[in-house]
């Protein structure tokens, strides 16, 4: 009886694994699927890509931890297959995903930015070159507390806030009923995806006001700490990426997204790039990747029409040349 039970369990396991043979890439299965790494914001995209390629169903799941709610994209699998799935679908955060590809610990990274200067230096020191190919669109957005009536700021306004030139909301048109109106600008830790976008798209070569606080959150909730701070502080301003806020946090009335230069971020303004802080999402591989490998075939598939459909199914906007 024990033998029969083990035999049945083994057959069921084999059948489950065999069901993950890709309908799109010949020879691709869970057993040889490349390790794909990325940030918290790109994890749903990575999950959808893996599920689509392995013929698995998937769906959004709401998670409630105390009063905090987040949404995750979940594959519909048995426990055995889920363990294998989690071995190839990773979320090590933006900086670490670059490092993992450079070190050969991941095969592909999906990131909302290109390499930072110190990541480039790390790759150079290792003798490694990366290929960064845009496959989707996201946007860099600014958030305030809903009690703040400000609807839009210019990029110049934001630069002045973060260099310490503008320190009061009254200077930007909001006069609170209280006598207090000091702006509380929040900033992320260096090498985080959102901080690198802030440096690249907004601040450029400008120097930050030296008294700005730096928030270093736990790995899983890298952006959550900043967003919690904005939700609890009427005078705060901070930033994240559109997809993270729209699909993973879904803050409702707890946070307010402002326009930039009079344009609010949404699917239309991101798609047509009228929103001035539109950002590209990149598929990143090593330049020495074997073109006959499953890694390279998945990388190529992301740029096909079917790959673009999978990107769209995740909620991301497929990249247009």
C-alpha atoms as a PDB file:
ATOM      1  CA  UNK A   1       0.000   0.000   0.000  1.00  0.00           C
ATOM      2  CA  UNK A   2       2.858   2.360   0.855  1.00  0.00           C
ATOM      3  CA  UNK A   3       4.494   1.603  -2.503  1.00  0.00           C
ATOM      4  CA  UNK A   4       1.217   2.292  -4.301  1.00  0.00           C
ATOM      5  CA  UNK A   5       0.781   5.585  -2.485  1.00  0.00           C
ATOM      6  CA  UNK A   6       4.316   6.719  -3.288  1.00  0.00           C
ATOM      7  CA  UNK A   7       3.954   5.550  -6.889  1.00  0.00           C
ATOM      8  CA  UNK A   8       0.725   7.531  -7.268  1.00  0.00           C
ATOM      9  CA  UNK A   9       2.276  10.628  -5.682  1.00  0.00           C
ATOM     10  CA  UNK A  10       5.281  10.315  -7.987  1.00  0.00           C
ATOM     11  CA  UNK A  11       3.093   9.941 -11.057  1.00  0.00           C
ATOM     12  CA  UNK A  12       1.004  12.941 -10.028  1.00  0.00           C
ATOM     13  CA  UNK A  13       4.158  14.983  -9.525  1.00  0.00           C
ATOM     14  CA  UNK A  14       5.497  13.940 -12.939  1.00  0.00           C
ATOM     15  CA  UNK A  15       2.178  14.764 -14.590  1.00  0.00           C
ATOM     16  CA  UNK A  16       2.183  18.216 -12.977  1.00  0.00           C
ATOM     17  CA  UNK A  17       5.710  18.919 -14.175  1.00  0.00           C
ATOM     18  CA  UNK A  18       4.980  17.604 -17.656  1.00  0.00           C
ATOM     19  CA  UNK A  19       2.018  19.979 -17.857  1.00  0.00           C
ATOM     20  CA  UNK A  20       4.452  22.898 -17.694  1.00  0.00           C
ATOM     21  CA  UNK A  21       6.107  22.163 -21.027  1.00  0.00           C
ATOM     22  CA  UNK A  22       5.927  25.497 -22.824  1.00  0.00           C
ATOM     23  CA  UNK A  23       3.441  25.900 -25.666  1.00  0.00           C
ATOM     24  CA  UNK A  24       5.613  28.694 -27.104  1.00  0.00           C
ATOM     25  CA  UNK A  25       9.274  27.701 -26.766  1.00  0.00           C
ATOM     26  CA  UNK A  26      10.241  24.194 -27.784  1.00  0.00           C
ATOM     27  CA  UNK A  27      11.960  22.273 -25.010  1.00  0.00           C
ATOM     28  CA  UNK A  28      11.217  24.849 -22.280  1.00  0.00           C
ATOM     29  CA  UNK A  29       9.798  23.482 -19.018  1.00  0.00           C
ATOM     30  CA  UNK A  30       9.916  24.136 -15.298  1.00  0.00           C
ATOM     31  CA  UNK A  31      13.041  21.963 -15.134  1.00  0.00           C
ATOM     32  CA  UNK A  32      15.139  24.251 -17.360  1.00  0.00           C
ATOM     33  CA  UNK A  33      13.318  27.549 -16.962  1.00  0.00           C
ATOM     34  CA  UNK A  34      15.764  30.483 -16.553  1.00  0.00           C
ATOM     35  CA  UNK A  35      15.868  32.312 -13.232  1.00  0.00           C
ATOM     36  CA  UNK A  36      14.160  35.696 -13.656  1.00  0.00           C
ATOM     37  CA  UNK A  37      14.786  38.330 -10.987  1.00  0.00           C
ATOM     38  CA  UNK A  38      13.545  41.875 -10.434  1.00  0.00           C
ATOM     39  CA  UNK A  39      11.986  44.439  -8.141  1.00  0.00           C
ATOM     40  CA  UNK A  40       8.765  44.286  -6.146  1.00  0.00           C
ATOM     41  CA  UNK A  41       7.031  46.298  -8.855  1.00  0.00           C
ATOM     42  CA  UNK A  42       8.057  43.925 -11.650  1.00  0.00           C
ATOM     43  CA  UNK A  43       7.318  40.693  -9.736  1.00  0.00           C
ATOM     44  CA  UNK A  44       3.736  40.445 -11.103  1.00  0.00           C
ATOM     45  CA  UNK A  45       5.134  40.870 -14.618  1.00  0.00           C
ATOM     46  CA  UNK A  46       7.739  38.157 -14.025  1.00  0.00           C
ATOM     47  CA  UNK A  47       5.032  35.868 -12.645  1.00  0.00           C
ATOM     48  CA  UNK A  48       2.749  36.386 -15.642  1.00  0.00           C
ATOM     49  CA  UNK A  49       5.617  35.792 -18.079  1.00  0.00           C
ATOM     50  CA  UNK A  50       6.562  32.528 -16.358  1.00  0.00           C
ATOM     51  CA  UNK A  51       2.937  31.372 -16.143  1.00  0.00           C
ATOM     52  CA  UNK A  52       2.220  32.188 -19.780  1.00  0.00           C
ATOM     53  CA  UNK A  53       5.358  30.406 -20.939  1.00  0.00           C
ATOM     54  CA  UNK A  54       4.574  27.321 -18.835  1.00  0.00           C
ATOM     55  CA  UNK A  55       0.856  27.247 -19.610  1.00  0.00           C
ATOM     56  CA  UNK A  56      -0.221  27.970 -16.028  1.00  0.00           C
ATOM     57  CA  UNK A  57      -3.241  29.957 -14.883  1.00  0.00           C
ATOM     58  CA  UNK A  58      -2.698  32.973 -12.617  1.00  0.00           C
ATOM     59  CA  UNK A  59      -4.703  35.617 -10.779  1.00  0.00           C
ATOM     60  CA  UNK A  60      -4.367  38.622  -8.521  1.00  0.00           C
ATOM     61  CA  UNK A  61      -4.629  37.900  -4.779  1.00  0.00           C
ATOM     62  CA  UNK A  62      -5.353  40.415  -2.032  1.00  0.00           C
ATOM     63  CA  UNK A  63      -3.131  40.115   1.058  1.00  0.00           C
ATOM     64  CA  UNK A  64      -4.001  41.778   4.367  1.00  0.00           C
ATOM     65  CA  UNK A  65      -1.329  42.168   7.047  1.00  0.00           C
ATOM     66  CA  UNK A  66      -2.816  44.043  10.000  1.00  0.00           C
ATOM     67  CA  UNK A  67      -4.220  47.202   8.362  1.00  0.00           C
ATOM     68  CA  UNK A  68      -1.876  47.030   5.360  1.00  0.00           C
ATOM     69  CA  UNK A  69      -3.154  45.652   2.065  1.00  0.00           C
ATOM     70  CA  UNK A  70      -1.128  44.596  -0.934  1.00  0.00           C
ATOM     71  CA  UNK A  71      -1.888  42.616  -4.072  1.00  0.00           C
ATOM     72  CA  UNK A  72       0.230  39.838  -5.543  1.00  0.00           C
ATOM     73  CA  UNK A  73       0.016  37.874  -8.772  1.00  0.00           C
ATOM     74  CA  UNK A  74      -0.265  34.190  -7.906  1.00  0.00           C
ATOM     75  CA  UNK A  75       0.281  31.145 -10.147  1.00  0.00           C
ATOM     76  CA  UNK A  76      -2.345  28.412  -9.880  1.00  0.00           C
ATOM     77  CA  UNK A  77      -0.200  25.382  -9.052  1.00  0.00           C
ATOM     78  CA  UNK A  78       0.133  22.484  -6.635  1.00  0.00           C
ATOM     79  CA  UNK A  79       2.611  22.722  -3.756  1.00  0.00           C
ATOM     80  CA  UNK A  80       5.352  20.718  -5.463  1.00  0.00           C
ATOM     81  CA  UNK A  81       5.258  22.768  -8.630  1.00  0.00           C
ATOM     82  CA  UNK A  82       4.933  26.009  -6.671  1.00  0.00           C
ATOM     83  CA  UNK A  83       8.245  25.315  -4.923  1.00  0.00           C
ATOM     84  CA  UNK A  84       9.930  24.857  -8.303  1.00  0.00           C
ATOM     85  CA  UNK A  85       8.167  27.966  -9.626  1.00  0.00           C
ATOM     86  CA  UNK A  86       9.441  30.058  -6.702  1.00  0.00           C
ATOM     87  CA  UNK A  87      12.987  28.895  -7.434  1.00  0.00           C
ATOM     88  CA  UNK A  88      12.945  30.564 -10.861  1.00  0.00           C
ATOM     89  CA  UNK A  89      10.710  33.597 -10.188  1.00  0.00           C
ATOM     90  CA  UNK A  90      12.530  35.985  -7.857  1.00  0.00           C
ATOM     91  CA  UNK A  91      12.175  39.455  -6.367  1.00  0.00           C
ATOM     92  CA  UNK A  92      15.553  40.523  -4.993  1.00  0.00           C
ATOM     93  CA  UNK A  93      14.909  44.243  -5.602  1.00  0.00           C
ATOM     94  CA  UNK A  94      16.328  46.310  -8.451  1.00  0.00           C
ATOM     95  CA  UNK A  95      19.937  46.663  -7.317  1.00  0.00           C
ATOM     96  CA  UNK A  96      20.302  43.054  -6.209  1.00  0.00           C
ATOM     97  CA  UNK A  97      18.719  41.727  -9.403  1.00  0.00           C
ATOM     98  CA  UNK A  98      21.379  43.522 -11.454  1.00  0.00           C
ATOM     99  CA  UNK A  99      24.093  42.119  -9.200  1.00  0.00           C
ATOM    100  CA  UNK A 100      22.607  38.618  -9.458  1.00  0.00           C
ATOM    101  CA  UNK A 101      22.665  38.712 -13.267  1.00  0.00           C
ATOM    102  CA  UNK A 102      26.242  39.999 -13.242  1.00  0.00           C
ATOM    103  CA  UNK A 103      27.253  37.249 -10.794  1.00  0.00           C
ATOM    104  CA  UNK A 104      25.380  34.544 -12.710  1.00  0.00           C
ATOM    105  CA  UNK A 105      22.898  33.950  -9.871  1.00  0.00           C
ATOM    106  CA  UNK A 106      20.007  35.010 -12.132  1.00  0.00           C
ATOM    107  CA  UNK A 107      19.632  34.670 -15.890  1.00  0.00           C
ATOM    108  CA  UNK A 108      17.297  37.597 -16.653  1.00  0.00           C
ATOM    109  CA  UNK A 109      16.345  40.710 -14.702  1.00  0.00           C
ATOM    110  CA  UNK A 110      13.279  42.861 -15.274  1.00  0.00           C
ATOM    111  CA  UNK A 111      13.886  46.370 -13.974  1.00  0.00           C
ATOM    112  CA  UNK A 112      12.276  49.799 -14.241  1.00  0.00           C
ATOM    113  CA  UNK A 113      15.649  51.442 -14.861  1.00  0.00           C
ATOM    114  CA  UNK A 114      19.028  50.860 -16.415  1.00  0.00           C
ATOM    115  CA  UNK A 115      22.197  50.173 -14.445  1.00  0.00           C
ATOM    116  CA  UNK A 116      23.369  52.756 -11.943  1.00  0.00           C
ATOM    117  CA  UNK A 117      26.982  54.011 -12.119  1.00  0.00           C
ATOM    118  CA  UNK A 118      28.194  51.743  -9.302  1.00  0.00           C
ATOM    119  CA  UNK A 119      26.427  48.735 -10.848  1.00  0.00           C
ATOM    120  CA  UNK A 120      28.198  49.480 -14.118  1.00  0.00           C
ATOM    121  CA  UNK A 121      31.472  49.656 -12.218  1.00  0.00           C
ATOM    122  CA  UNK A 122      30.738  46.347 -10.507  1.00  0.00           C
ATOM    123  CA  UNK A 123      30.043  44.716 -13.880  1.00  0.00           C
ATOM    124  CA  UNK A 124      33.227  46.192 -15.327  1.00  0.00           C
ATOM    125  CA  UNK A 125      35.258  44.900 -12.382  1.00  0.00           C
ATOM    126  CA  UNK A 126      33.788  41.429 -13.007  1.00  0.00           C
ATOM    127  CA  UNK A 127      34.497  41.620 -16.736  1.00  0.00           C
ATOM    128  CA  UNK A 128      30.788  41.358 -17.544  1.00  0.00           C
ATOM    129  CA  UNK A 129      28.672  43.343 -20.008  1.00  0.00           C
ATOM    130  CA  UNK A 130      24.873  43.464 -19.866  1.00  0.00           C
ATOM    131  CA  UNK A 131      22.267  43.916 -22.580  1.00  0.00           C
ATOM    132  CA  UNK A 132      19.351  46.107 -21.471  1.00  0.00           C
ATOM    133  CA  UNK A 133      16.338  45.980 -23.781  1.00  0.00           C
ATOM    134  CA  UNK A 134      13.110  47.954 -23.140  1.00  0.00           C
ATOM    135  CA  UNK A 135      10.045  45.686 -23.134  1.00  0.00           C
ATOM    136  CA  UNK A 136       7.401  47.691 -21.225  1.00  0.00           C
ATOM    137  CA  UNK A 137       6.489  51.158 -20.010  1.00  0.00           C
ATOM    138  CA  UNK A 138       5.963  52.439 -16.478  1.00  0.00           C
ATOM    139  CA  UNK A 139       6.067  55.940 -15.013  1.00  0.00           C
ATOM    140  CA  UNK A 140       7.718  57.742 -12.122  1.00  0.00           C
ATOM    141  CA  UNK A 141       5.024  59.423 -10.018  1.00  0.00           C
ATOM    142  CA  UNK A 142       4.788  61.771  -7.064  1.00  0.00           C
ATOM    143  CA  UNK A 143       2.383  61.227  -4.182  1.00  0.00           C
ATOM    144  CA  UNK A 144       1.004  63.485  -1.468  1.00  0.00           C
ATOM    145  CA  UNK A 145      -1.518  63.166   1.344  1.00  0.00           C
ATOM    146  CA  UNK A 146      -5.163  63.533   0.198  1.00  0.00           C
ATOM    147  CA  UNK A 147      -5.617  66.468   2.618  1.00  0.00           C
ATOM    148  CA  UNK A 148      -3.218  68.437   0.453  1.00  0.00           C
ATOM    149  CA  UNK A 149      -5.245  70.162  -2.341  1.00  0.00           C
ATOM    150  CA  UNK A 150      -2.260  70.463  -4.704  1.00  0.00           C
ATOM    151  CA  UNK A 151      -3.110  68.836  -8.051  1.00  0.00           C
ATOM    152  CA  UNK A 152       0.031  69.372 -10.092  1.00  0.00           C
ATOM    153  CA  UNK A 153       3.623  70.533  -9.772  1.00  0.00           C
ATOM    154  CA  UNK A 154       6.269  71.303 -12.364  1.00  0.00           C
ATOM    155  CA  UNK A 155       9.525  69.418 -12.483  1.00  0.00           C
ATOM    156  CA  UNK A 156      11.139  72.708 -11.439  1.00  0.00           C
ATOM    157  CA  UNK A 157       8.865  72.872  -8.370  1.00  0.00           C
ATOM    158  CA  UNK A 158       9.956  69.390  -7.315  1.00  0.00           C
ATOM    159  CA  UNK A 159      13.614  70.166  -7.903  1.00  0.00           C
ATOM    160  CA  UNK A 160      13.286  73.272  -5.720  1.00  0.00           C
ATOM    161  CA  UNK A 161      11.684  71.187  -2.950  1.00  0.00           C
ATOM    162  CA  UNK A 162      14.456  68.611  -2.944  1.00  0.00           C
ATOM    163  CA  UNK A 163      17.351  71.071  -3.087  1.00  0.00           C
ATOM    164  CA  UNK A 164      15.820  72.995  -0.177  1.00  0.00           C
ATOM    165  CA  UNK A 165      14.923  76.120  -2.180  1.00  0.00           C
ATOM    166  CA  UNK A 166      11.152  75.712  -1.563  1.00  0.00           C
ATOM    167  CA  UNK A 167      10.302  74.607   1.974  1.00  0.00           C
ATOM    168  CA  UNK A 168       6.684  75.703   2.466  1.00  0.00           C
ATOM    169  CA  UNK A 169       3.467  74.564   0.785  1.00  0.00           C
ATOM    170  CA  UNK A 170       2.259  78.167   0.837  1.00  0.00           C
ATOM    171  CA  UNK A 171       4.895  78.938  -1.784  1.00  0.00           C
ATOM    172  CA  UNK A 172       3.174  76.369  -4.015  1.00  0.00           C
ATOM    173  CA  UNK A 173      -0.357  77.653  -3.518  1.00  0.00           C
ATOM    174  CA  UNK A 174      -1.648  75.773  -0.449  1.00  0.00           C
ATOM    175  CA  UNK A 175      -2.321  77.672   2.742  1.00  0.00           C
ATOM    176  CA  UNK A 176      -3.394  75.186   5.464  1.00  0.00           C
ATOM    177  CA  UNK A 177      -5.760  76.338   8.204  1.00  0.00           C
ATOM    178  CA  UNK A 178      -3.043  75.704  10.766  1.00  0.00           C
ATOM    179  CA  UNK A 179      -0.010  77.946  11.004  1.00  0.00           C
ATOM    180  CA  UNK A 180       2.192  75.020  10.011  1.00  0.00           C
ATOM    181  CA  UNK A 181       2.836  74.329   6.309  1.00  0.00           C
ATOM    182  CA  UNK A 182       6.417  73.090   6.088  1.00  0.00           C
ATOM    183  CA  UNK A 183       7.012  70.592   3.279  1.00  0.00           C
ATOM    184  CA  UNK A 184       8.229  67.137   4.355  1.00  0.00           C
ATOM    185  CA  UNK A 185      10.080  65.714   1.312  1.00  0.00           C
ATOM    186  CA  UNK A 186      10.832  62.000   1.583  1.00  0.00           C
ATOM    187  CA  UNK A 187      13.746  60.322  -0.145  1.00  0.00           C
ATOM    188  CA  UNK A 188      14.719  56.682  -0.753  1.00  0.00           C
ATOM    189  CA  UNK A 189      17.998  54.912  -0.142  1.00  0.00           C
ATOM    190  CA  UNK A 190      20.655  54.940  -2.894  1.00  0.00           C
ATOM    191  CA  UNK A 191      20.448  52.185  -5.551  1.00  0.00           C
ATOM    192  CA  UNK A 192      16.744  51.564  -4.974  1.00  0.00           C
ATOM    193  CA  UNK A 193      14.843  51.567  -8.250  1.00  0.00           C
ATOM    194  CA  UNK A 194      12.762  54.610  -7.423  1.00  0.00           C
ATOM    195  CA  UNK A 195      15.756  56.592  -6.128  1.00  0.00           C
ATOM    196  CA  UNK A 196      17.746  55.960  -9.296  1.00  0.00           C
ATOM    197  CA  UNK A 197      14.734  57.152 -11.337  1.00  0.00           C
ATOM    198  CA  UNK A 198      14.513  60.250  -9.150  1.00  0.00           C
ATOM    199  CA  UNK A 199      18.175  60.978  -9.837  1.00  0.00           C
ATOM    200  CA  UNK A 200      17.908  60.247 -13.572  1.00  0.00           C
ATOM    201  CA  UNK A 201      14.576  61.844 -14.481  1.00  0.00           C
ATOM    202  CA  UNK A 202      14.187  64.689 -11.999  1.00  0.00           C
ATOM    203  CA  UNK A 203      17.271  65.728 -10.070  1.00  0.00           C
ATOM    204  CA  UNK A 204      19.925  64.988 -12.701  1.00  0.00           C
ATOM    205  CA  UNK A 205      23.063  66.784 -11.414  1.00  0.00           C
ATOM    206  CA  UNK A 206      21.316  68.766  -8.653  1.00  0.00           C
ATOM    207  CA  UNK A 207      22.389  68.210  -5.039  1.00  0.00           C
ATOM    208  CA  UNK A 208      19.793  67.148  -2.482  1.00  0.00           C
ATOM    209  CA  UNK A 209      19.115  69.238   0.588  1.00  0.00           C
ATOM    210  CA  UNK A 210      21.440  67.706   3.186  1.00  0.00           C
ATOM    211  CA  UNK A 211      18.780  67.406   5.920  1.00  0.00           C
ATOM    212  CA  UNK A 212      16.441  65.144   3.955  1.00  0.00           C
ATOM    213  CA  UNK A 213      15.705  61.861   5.774  1.00  0.00           C
ATOM    214  CA  UNK A 214      16.669  58.588   4.132  1.00  0.00           C
ATOM    215  CA  UNK A 215      14.213  55.730   4.577  1.00  0.00           C
ATOM    216  CA  UNK A 216      15.656  52.218   4.535  1.00  0.00           C
ATOM    217  CA  UNK A 217      12.758  49.750   4.663  1.00  0.00           C
ATOM    218  CA  UNK A 218      12.710  45.977   5.036  1.00  0.00           C
ATOM    219  CA  UNK A 219      13.223  43.952   1.878  1.00  0.00           C
ATOM    220  CA  UNK A 220       9.618  42.989   1.143  1.00  0.00           C
ATOM    221  CA  UNK A 221       8.130  46.441   1.749  1.00  0.00           C
ATOM    222  CA  UNK A 222      10.857  48.538   0.192  1.00  0.00           C
ATOM    223  CA  UNK A 223       8.471  51.275  -0.963  1.00  0.00           C
ATOM    224  CA  UNK A 224       5.769  50.689   1.617  1.00  0.00           C
ATOM    225  CA  UNK A 225       7.480  52.673   4.381  1.00  0.00           C
ATOM    226  CA  UNK A 226       7.583  55.819   2.286  1.00  0.00           C
ATOM    227  CA  UNK A 227       3.945  55.453   1.231  1.00  0.00           C
ATOM    228  CA  UNK A 228       2.858  54.846   4.823  1.00  0.00           C
ATOM    229  CA  UNK A 229       4.683  58.035   5.824  1.00  0.00           C
ATOM    230  CA  UNK A 230       2.876  60.046   3.135  1.00  0.00           C
ATOM    231  CA  UNK A 231      -0.508  58.618   4.131  1.00  0.00           C
ATOM    232  CA  UNK A 232       0.039  59.696   7.742  1.00  0.00           C
ATOM    233  CA  UNK A 233       1.537  63.146   7.074  1.00  0.00           C
ATOM    234  CA  UNK A 234      -0.478  65.933   5.417  1.00  0.00           C
ATOM    235  CA  UNK A 235       2.691  67.840   4.495  1.00  0.00           C
ATOM    236  CA  UNK A 236       4.730  64.995   2.988  1.00  0.00           C
ATOM    237  CA  UNK A 237       5.667  64.357  -0.626  1.00  0.00           C
ATOM    238  CA  UNK A 238       7.342  61.251  -2.006  1.00  0.00           C
ATOM    239  CA  UNK A 239       7.579  59.049  -5.070  1.00  0.00           C
ATOM    240  CA  UNK A 240       7.222  55.577  -6.503  1.00  0.00           C
ATOM    241  CA  UNK A 241       6.451  53.987  -9.863  1.00  0.00           C
ATOM    242  CA  UNK A 242       2.971  53.992 -11.354  1.00  0.00           C
ATOM    243  CA  UNK A 243       2.570  50.217 -11.620  1.00  0.00           C
ATOM    244  CA  UNK A 244       3.517  49.612  -7.967  1.00  0.00           C
ATOM    245  CA  UNK A 245       1.007  52.173  -6.748  1.00  0.00           C
ATOM    246  CA  UNK A 246      -1.775  51.240  -9.176  1.00  0.00           C
ATOM    247  CA  UNK A 247      -1.620  47.438  -9.021  1.00  0.00           C
ATOM    248  CA  UNK A 248       0.300  46.325  -5.930  1.00  0.00           C
ATOM    249  CA  UNK A 249      -0.692  48.920  -3.317  1.00  0.00           C
ATOM    250  CA  UNK A 250      -4.033  50.157  -4.712  1.00  0.00           C
ATOM    251  CA  UNK A 251      -4.210  52.867  -2.026  1.00  0.00           C
ATOM    252  CA  UNK A 252      -7.619  54.268  -2.950  1.00  0.00           C
ATOM    253  CA  UNK A 253      -8.175  57.478  -0.987  1.00  0.00           C
ATOM    254  CA  UNK A 254      -5.158  56.961   1.273  1.00  0.00           C
ATOM    255  CA  UNK A 255      -2.756  58.606  -1.202  1.00  0.00           C
ATOM    256  CA  UNK A 256      -3.051  61.230  -3.923  1.00  0.00           C
ATOM    257  CA  UNK A 257      -1.115  61.136  -7.193  1.00  0.00           C
ATOM    258  CA  UNK A 258      -0.307  64.574  -8.567  1.00  0.00           C
ATOM    259  CA  UNK A 259       0.230  65.661 -12.156  1.00  0.00           C
ATOM    260  CA  UNK A 260       3.604  66.761 -13.476  1.00  0.00           C
ATOM    261  CA  UNK A 261       3.678  69.841 -15.687  1.00  0.00           C
ATOM    262  CA  UNK A 262      -0.137  69.629 -15.735  1.00  0.00           C
ATOM    263  CA  UNK A 263      -0.285  66.006 -16.992  1.00  0.00           C
ATOM    264  CA  UNK A 264      -1.533  63.193 -14.748  1.00  0.00           C
ATOM    265  CA  UNK A 265      -0.113  59.671 -15.135  1.00  0.00           C
ATOM    266  CA  UNK A 266      -2.544  57.083 -16.527  1.00  0.00           C
ATOM    267  CA  UNK A 267      -2.421  54.360 -19.177  1.00  0.00           C
ATOM    268  CA  UNK A 268      -3.150  56.807 -21.986  1.00  0.00           C
ATOM    269  CA  UNK A 269      -0.607  59.471 -21.008  1.00  0.00           C
ATOM    270  CA  UNK A 270       2.039  56.802 -20.343  1.00  0.00           C
ATOM    271  CA  UNK A 271       1.349  55.003 -23.630  1.00  0.00           C
ATOM    272  CA  UNK A 272       1.588  58.182 -25.696  1.00  0.00           C
ATOM    273  CA  UNK A 273       4.371  59.492 -23.439  1.00  0.00           C
ATOM    274  CA  UNK A 274       2.674  62.816 -22.855  1.00  0.00           C
ATOM    275  CA  UNK A 275       3.325  62.239 -19.152  1.00  0.00           C
ATOM    276  CA  UNK A 276       6.828  63.725 -18.800  1.00  0.00           C
ATOM    277  CA  UNK A 277       8.226  61.107 -16.393  1.00  0.00           C
ATOM    278  CA  UNK A 278       7.419  57.991 -18.394  1.00  0.00           C
ATOM    279  CA  UNK A 279       9.976  55.230 -17.689  1.00  0.00           C
ATOM    280  CA  UNK A 280      10.970  52.125 -19.601  1.00  0.00           C
ATOM    281  CA  UNK A 281      11.078  48.631 -18.103  1.00  0.00           C
ATOM    282  CA  UNK A 282      14.055  46.583 -19.264  1.00  0.00           C
ATOM    283  CA  UNK A 283      14.797  42.921 -19.822  1.00  0.00           C
ATOM    284  CA  UNK A 284      18.440  42.495 -18.806  1.00  0.00           C
ATOM    285  CA  UNK A 285      20.754  39.612 -19.723  1.00  0.00           C
ATOM    286  CA  UNK A 286      24.493  39.089 -19.886  1.00  0.00           C
ATOM    287  CA  UNK A 287      26.009  39.814 -23.275  1.00  0.00           C
ATOM    288  CA  UNK A 288      27.740  36.408 -23.233  1.00  0.00           C
ATOM    289  CA  UNK A 289      24.410  34.543 -22.983  1.00  0.00           C
ATOM    290  CA  UNK A 290      24.365  31.585 -25.394  1.00  0.00           C
ATOM    291  CA  UNK A 291      21.870  32.399 -28.159  1.00  0.00           C
ATOM    292  CA  UNK A 292      20.748  28.759 -28.163  1.00  0.00           C
ATOM    293  CA  UNK A 293      20.006  28.789 -24.424  1.00  0.00           C
ATOM    294  CA  UNK A 294      16.537  28.935 -22.891  1.00  0.00           C
ATOM    295  CA  UNK A 295      17.529  32.243 -21.304  1.00  0.00           C
ATOM    296  CA  UNK A 296      18.071  33.829 -24.707  1.00  0.00           C
ATOM    297  CA  UNK A 297      14.924  32.246 -26.147  1.00  0.00           C
ATOM    298  CA  UNK A 298      12.809  33.683 -23.296  1.00  0.00           C
ATOM    299  CA  UNK A 299      14.513  37.069 -23.764  1.00  0.00           C
ATOM    300  CA  UNK A 300      13.637  36.966 -27.470  1.00  0.00           C
ATOM    301  CA  UNK A 301      10.071  35.786 -26.775  1.00  0.00           C
ATOM    302  CA  UNK A 302       9.441  38.878 -24.654  1.00  0.00           C
ATOM    303  CA  UNK A 303       9.875  40.954 -27.808  1.00  0.00           C
ATOM    304  CA  UNK A 304       7.395  38.922 -29.883  1.00  0.00           C
ATOM    305  CA  UNK A 305       3.715  39.710 -30.321  1.00  0.00           C
ATOM    306  CA  UNK A 306       2.791  36.894 -27.922  1.00  0.00           C
ATOM    307  CA  UNK A 307       5.302  38.202 -25.411  1.00  0.00           C
ATOM    308  CA  UNK A 308       3.800  41.660 -25.685  1.00  0.00           C
ATOM    309  CA  UNK A 309       0.368  40.173 -24.980  1.00  0.00           C
ATOM    310  CA  UNK A 310       1.710  38.576 -21.799  1.00  0.00           C
ATOM    311  CA  UNK A 311       3.159  41.944 -20.739  1.00  0.00           C
ATOM    312  CA  UNK A 312      -0.216  43.561 -21.332  1.00  0.00           C
ATOM    313  CA  UNK A 313      -1.970  40.803 -19.353  1.00  0.00           C
ATOM    314  CA  UNK A 314       0.108  41.744 -16.315  1.00  0.00           C
ATOM    315  CA  UNK A 315      -1.179  45.320 -16.438  1.00  0.00           C
ATOM    316  CA  UNK A 316       2.030  46.764 -17.840  1.00  0.00           C
ATOM    317  CA  UNK A 317       2.056  48.683 -21.100  1.00  0.00           C
ATOM    318  CA  UNK A 318       4.091  46.935 -23.839  1.00  0.00           C
ATOM    319  CA  UNK A 319       6.975  48.952 -25.206  1.00  0.00           C
ATOM    320  CA  UNK A 320       6.571  50.569 -28.614  1.00  0.00           C
ATOM    321  CA  UNK A 321       9.628  51.563 -30.630  1.00  0.00           C
END
